[in-house]
Structure formats: structure tokens, C-alpha cells
Amino acid sequence: MFKLFSKPASGKEKFDFSMLKVDMHSHLLPGIDDGAKDLENSLELIRGLKALGYKKLITTPHILWDMYRNTPAVIAEKLELVKEAVKNEGIDIEIEAAAEYFLDEHVQELLHKKEPLLTLSGKLVLTEFSMAYASMNVKDILFDMQMQGYQPVIAHPERYAYLQRNKDFFVELKDIGCLFQLNLLSLSGGYGRVVAELANYLLKNGFYDMIGTDLHHTGHVEALKKFQAPPLLKEWLDAGKALNSKL
């Protein structure tokens, strides 16, 4: 299929980000969440992603009402600011914005009011939930989303480490039609051993549908530059499982 990997003299396989074309999870808009701090930082991160080989970025600021009260209007304003700066700087890359929705009471209210959600493409909505404990109403919110025609994409499921003891929950999420998104750096231990183990388990068992960087800062850019692809990822990509290029 695509040549996603090259083999240098060291024998280690180097990941070719360009064949993914699209990064669909990042935090590049300035000053509205825990990602880019200001416009200069936004441009630095965007240059880093372009240098890796990405052609298009769908950045996904947090909507987490207790911390980041972002609205479509706020996100659209920041996106236009970044797009104008990217154009002025002559950076040849396409940038769009969606959001990473934390499944809380605010999202329930948006759905109750039938407020339009920001999507990655079509009706795909990037979602997350608590990484500290099991949320009782996650499946109810996901069901409400689906009833309004959205298809939830579960961001970095491997980072919900407490599900290491309850992997059936992953099966339940897949069975109700959720897509799964892998954080690349999870595979290299960037979030710890348990997360890496879960990422490999989910990859081996065919749970994932797309890949994101979840880029927040320059440290992530540097880690991605050093990323070495494990054989399991190569097999998954060679099988044509990644939906990134279709976004």
C-alpha cells in the first residue's frame, strides 16, 4: 500500500507522517485551552506539524465547561486569526477547526437544545471523558449524540487507564458505533507504561479508526520527530485502516 515507513541504516523504522495527510487532533488555537499559549506559539506548532509532513490540520480545542468555556463563535474567531497569520507567514498548510467535547452536563444541554456541534468532517464529533474515574452517563450522552445523527469519535481511549481492568467497555463503545482515535505518542510510552499497553492491546484487536497527535506544545513536536513505528502500527496502516486521509 502506501510507503508509511522508511528503514535507515540503523534498522529502525522511521514513521512517514505525510502519508496520513491529516492530523485530526491538536490544540493549536492561541490562548483558549491548554495548548498554544499565543499566536506566535500557534505558528511554531503549525510549522512543526508541517515539517513532519502533514498537509491538513483539524485542530480541536477543548470544550470542557468547568475549565474551557469555548463556543463555536470563540473557536471560529481564533481560527480566522490563525489562518490569516499562516497565510501572511507563507506556511502552505490547510487548517480547519472542530472541538474535543468533554462528555459533561454542558454537552447534554447542547444536545437537549439541539445546538449544532463542531465536527471533524461530516457528522464525526471528537469526544472525551474522565481519565480519572468511570463516568456513569457516558453511554447516555453518546446515544443522544447518535440520535441527532452524529458519529462519536472517542479520543485517545488508551489513556483511560482504569479501563485496563474493564476492557469490555471498549467493546461496548465499538458495538454502539463509536470510532476510536489513537494518540501516536501513546505507543512510544509518552503517557506511561499502562497507556502504552492499552494502546497496543486496542491496536492489536482492531479498535482504532484514525490517528492524532494530540499536539499541545513543542515538547510533543520533538517527541514526534523521534517517533519510531512499532511493527503492529505498520501492519495496521498497511491494512488501510486509518481514515485520516478521508477527513
Protein backbone atom coordinates (compact mmCIF):
# COMPACT_ATOMS: atom_id res chain seq x y z
CA MET A 1 0.00 0.00 0.00
CA PHE A 2 1.42 3.41 0.98
CA LYS A 3 5.06 3.66 1.96
CA LEU A 4 4.48 4.87 5.51
CA PHE A 5 7.85 3.80 6.78
CA SER A 6 11.46 4.00 5.71
CA LYS A 7 14.32 1.94 7.08
CA PRO A 8 17.54 3.84 7.78
CA ALA A 9 20.90 2.19 8.31
CA SER A 10 20.12 1.73 11.99
CA GLY A 11 17.45 -0.79 11.05
CA LYS A 12 14.76 1.11 12.98
CA GLU A 13 11.66 2.10 11.08
CA LYS A 14 11.04 5.82 10.75
CA PHE A 15 7.43 6.96 10.54
CA ASP A 16 6.36 8.96 7.46
CA PHE A 17 3.65 11.32 8.67
CA SER A 18 3.00 12.68 5.18
CA MET A 19 1.03 9.62 4.12
CA LEU A 20 -1.55 10.26 6.84
CA LYS A 21 -2.04 13.72 5.24
CA VAL A 22 -4.39 14.91 8.01
CA ASP A 23 -3.86 15.38 11.73
CA MET A 24 -7.30 15.42 13.32
CA HIS A 25 -6.49 16.08 16.99
CA SER A 26 -4.42 19.02 18.22
CA HIS A 27 -4.62 22.17 20.32
CA LEU A 28 -3.27 24.95 18.11
CA LEU A 29 -5.59 27.91 18.64
CA PRO A 30 -4.00 30.54 20.88
CA GLY A 31 -4.98 31.10 24.47
CA ILE A 32 -8.24 29.15 24.70
CA ASP A 33 -7.19 25.86 26.30
CA ASP A 34 -4.04 24.06 27.50
CA GLY A 35 -2.47 24.12 24.04
CA ALA A 36 -0.88 27.07 22.20
CA LYS A 37 -0.31 29.97 24.55
CA ASP A 38 -0.34 32.77 21.97
CA LEU A 39 -0.30 33.32 18.22
CA GLU A 40 3.47 33.00 17.97
CA ASN A 41 3.28 29.65 19.72
CA SER A 42 0.46 28.57 17.37
CA LEU A 43 2.65 29.28 14.36
CA GLU A 44 5.59 27.44 15.93
CA LEU A 45 3.46 24.33 16.44
CA ILE A 46 1.95 24.54 12.95
CA ARG A 47 5.41 24.81 11.40
CA GLY A 48 6.41 21.75 13.39
CA LEU A 49 3.48 19.71 12.07
CA LYS A 50 4.12 20.86 8.51
CA ALA A 51 7.78 19.87 8.81
CA LEU A 52 6.66 16.39 9.89
CA GLY A 53 4.75 16.11 6.62
CA TYR A 54 1.12 16.89 7.40
CA LYS A 55 -0.88 18.60 4.65
CA LYS A 56 -4.01 19.45 6.65
CA LEU A 57 -4.70 20.12 10.32
CA ILE A 58 -8.09 19.85 12.01
CA THR A 59 -7.37 21.44 15.34
CA THR A 60 -9.65 20.51 18.25
CA PRO A 61 -9.72 22.90 21.23
CA HIS A 62 -11.22 21.56 24.42
CA ILE A 63 -14.82 22.27 25.27
CA LEU A 64 -14.83 21.39 28.96
CA TRP A 65 -17.21 23.75 30.68
CA ASP A 66 -15.59 23.72 34.11
CA MET A 67 -12.29 24.89 32.60
CA TYR A 68 -12.53 25.90 28.93
CA ARG A 69 -15.82 27.55 28.05
CA ASN A 70 -15.22 27.57 24.34
CA THR A 71 -18.09 28.13 21.93
CA PRO A 72 -18.25 27.79 18.13
CA ALA A 73 -18.01 31.58 17.89
CA VAL A 74 -14.86 31.76 20.03
CA ILE A 75 -13.25 28.92 18.10
CA ALA A 76 -14.17 30.44 14.72
CA GLU A 77 -12.66 33.80 15.72
CA LYS A 78 -9.39 32.21 16.83
CA LEU A 79 -9.28 30.01 13.73
CA GLU A 80 -9.56 33.02 11.43
CA LEU A 81 -6.77 34.75 13.37
CA VAL A 82 -4.50 31.73 12.92
CA LYS A 83 -5.40 31.22 9.26
CA GLU A 84 -4.59 34.85 8.48
CA ALA A 85 -1.24 34.57 10.28
CA VAL A 86 -0.43 31.33 8.47
CA LYS A 87 -1.20 32.99 5.14
CA ASN A 88 0.90 36.04 5.98
CA GLU A 89 3.81 33.81 7.02
CA GLY A 90 3.58 31.82 3.78
CA ILE A 91 3.04 28.48 5.54
CA ASP A 92 1.47 26.17 2.97
CA ILE A 93 -0.92 24.06 5.03
CA GLU A 94 -4.69 23.76 5.32
CA ILE A 95 -6.20 24.45 8.74
CA GLU A 96 -9.72 23.79 9.99
CA ALA A 97 -11.19 23.57 13.48
CA ALA A 98 -13.58 21.27 15.26
CA ALA A 99 -13.53 20.62 19.01
CA GLU A 100 -12.80 17.98 21.63
CA TYR A 101 -16.01 17.71 23.62
CA PHE A 102 -15.81 16.52 27.21
CA LEU A 103 -18.97 14.49 27.84
CA ASP A 104 -20.47 16.53 30.68
CA GLU A 105 -23.69 18.34 31.56
CA HIS A 106 -22.85 21.15 29.15
CA VAL A 107 -22.77 18.76 26.20
CA GLN A 108 -26.04 17.24 27.41
CA GLU A 109 -27.53 20.73 27.41
CA LEU A 110 -26.23 21.42 23.88
CA LEU A 111 -27.84 18.23 22.68
CA HIS A 112 -31.08 18.97 24.52
CA LYS A 113 -31.24 22.36 22.80
CA LYS A 114 -30.18 20.76 19.50
CA GLU A 115 -27.29 23.20 19.19
CA PRO A 116 -25.02 22.21 16.26
CA LEU A 117 -21.79 20.52 17.33
CA LEU A 118 -18.43 21.17 15.67
CA THR A 119 -17.40 18.19 13.57
CA LEU A 120 -14.17 16.80 12.17
CA SER A 121 -15.89 16.00 8.89
CA GLY A 122 -19.50 15.27 8.08
CA LYS A 123 -21.04 14.19 11.38
CA LEU A 124 -17.89 12.97 13.16
CA VAL A 125 -17.55 14.51 16.65
CA LEU A 126 -14.39 14.13 18.75
CA THR A 127 -15.27 13.28 22.35
CA GLU A 128 -13.51 12.53 25.63
CA PHE A 129 -14.48 11.72 29.21
CA SER A 130 -12.82 11.48 32.60
CA MET A 131 -9.37 9.92 32.72
CA ALA A 132 -9.59 9.56 36.49
CA TYR A 133 -12.75 7.52 37.02
CA ALA A 134 -15.58 5.82 35.16
CA SER A 135 -18.34 8.24 34.15
CA MET A 136 -21.78 6.77 34.68
CA ASN A 137 -23.62 8.65 31.92
CA VAL A 138 -21.10 8.48 29.06
CA LYS A 139 -23.11 5.99 27.03
CA ASP A 140 -26.32 8.00 27.55
CA ILE A 141 -24.69 11.15 26.13
CA LEU A 142 -23.20 9.20 23.23
CA PHE A 143 -26.64 7.74 22.49
CA ASP A 144 -28.18 11.24 22.47
CA MET A 145 -25.46 12.33 20.06
CA GLN A 146 -26.19 9.44 17.74
CA MET A 147 -29.93 10.15 17.87
CA GLN A 148 -29.10 13.55 16.36
CA GLY A 149 -27.12 11.95 13.55
CA TYR A 150 -23.60 12.38 14.93
CA GLN A 151 -20.97 9.66 15.00
CA PRO A 152 -18.81 9.96 18.11
CA VAL A 153 -15.05 9.55 17.84
CA ILE A 154 -13.51 8.53 21.17
CA ALA A 155 -10.29 10.49 21.66
CA HIS A 156 -7.29 8.52 22.95
CA PRO A 157 -9.23 5.61 24.54
CA GLU A 158 -5.92 4.12 25.67
CA ARG A 159 -5.48 6.99 28.12
CA TYR A 160 -8.43 5.84 30.25
CA ALA A 161 -6.07 3.67 32.25
CA TYR A 162 -8.75 2.50 34.70
CA LEU A 163 -10.35 0.61 31.79
CA GLN A 164 -7.35 -1.72 31.79
CA ARG A 165 -9.47 -3.76 34.24
CA ASN A 166 -12.69 -3.34 32.25
CA LYS A 167 -11.84 -3.79 28.58
CA ASP A 168 -15.42 -4.86 27.88
CA PHE A 169 -16.31 -1.16 27.98
CA PHE A 170 -14.23 -0.64 24.83
CA VAL A 171 -16.23 -3.42 23.16
CA GLU A 172 -19.48 -1.77 24.24
CA LEU A 173 -18.39 1.57 22.75
CA LYS A 174 -17.46 -0.08 19.45
CA ASP A 175 -20.69 -2.06 19.40
CA ILE A 176 -22.78 1.11 19.66
CA GLY A 177 -20.92 2.59 16.67
CA CYS A 178 -18.19 4.78 18.15
CA LEU A 179 -14.93 5.28 16.27
CA PHE A 180 -11.60 5.25 18.16
CA GLN A 181 -8.65 7.65 17.77
CA LEU A 182 -5.09 6.70 18.74
CA ASN A 183 -2.58 9.19 20.13
CA LEU A 184 0.68 8.32 18.36
CA LEU A 185 2.82 9.12 21.38
CA SER A 186 0.85 6.63 23.47
CA LEU A 187 2.66 3.85 21.61
CA SER A 188 6.09 5.19 22.49
CA GLY A 189 5.37 5.46 26.22
CA GLY A 190 4.71 9.20 26.18
CA TYR A 191 1.85 8.79 28.65
CA GLY A 192 3.27 5.91 30.67
CA ARG A 193 3.51 2.14 30.59
CA VAL A 194 -0.16 1.29 31.23
CA VAL A 195 -1.30 3.61 28.44
CA ALA A 196 1.24 2.06 26.06
CA GLU A 197 -0.01 -1.42 26.96
CA LEU A 198 -3.62 -0.41 26.36
CA ALA A 199 -2.72 1.26 23.06
CA ASN A 200 -1.04 -1.91 21.86
CA TYR A 201 -3.99 -4.02 23.01
CA LEU A 202 -6.50 -1.82 21.18
CA LEU A 203 -4.33 -1.69 18.07
CA LYS A 204 -3.81 -5.44 18.00
CA ASN A 205 -7.54 -6.07 18.38
CA GLY A 206 -8.62 -3.68 15.64
CA PHE A 207 -10.32 -0.97 17.69
CA TYR A 208 -8.71 2.11 16.12
CA ASP A 209 -10.03 4.06 13.13
CA MET A 210 -7.79 7.13 12.99
CA ILE A 211 -4.59 8.62 14.40
CA GLY A 212 -3.98 12.00 16.02
CA THR A 213 -1.01 13.79 17.51
CA ASP A 214 -2.99 15.48 20.32
CA LEU A 215 -0.31 18.15 20.00
CA HIS A 216 -0.22 20.70 22.83
CA HIS A 217 3.33 22.08 22.92
CA THR A 218 6.79 21.97 21.36
CA GLY A 219 7.75 19.03 23.54
CA HIS A 220 5.21 16.96 21.61
CA VAL A 221 6.73 18.12 18.31
CA GLU A 222 10.18 17.00 19.44
CA ALA A 223 8.82 13.64 20.62
CA LEU A 224 7.07 13.10 17.28
CA LYS A 225 10.30 13.81 15.40
CA LYS A 226 11.85 10.88 17.25
CA PHE A 227 8.85 8.57 16.91
CA GLN A 228 9.75 5.04 15.84
CA ALA A 229 6.88 2.99 14.49
CA PRO A 230 6.28 -0.41 16.12
CA PRO A 231 5.58 -3.32 13.74
CA LEU A 232 1.98 -3.54 14.95
CA LEU A 233 1.30 0.01 13.75
CA LYS A 234 2.90 -0.74 10.40
CA GLU A 235 0.65 -3.77 9.95
CA TRP A 236 -2.44 -1.74 10.85
CA LEU A 237 -1.57 1.06 8.43
CA ASP A 238 -0.61 -1.33 5.64
CA ALA A 239 -4.09 -2.84 6.00
CA GLY A 240 -5.56 0.58 5.14
CA LYS A 241 -7.38 1.06 8.44
CA ALA A 242 -6.60 4.77 9.01
CA LEU A 243 -9.40 7.14 7.99
CA ASN A 244 -7.29 10.30 8.31
CA SER A 245 -6.88 10.98 4.61
CA LYS A 246 -10.67 10.94 4.15
CA LEU A 247 -11.26 13.80 6.59
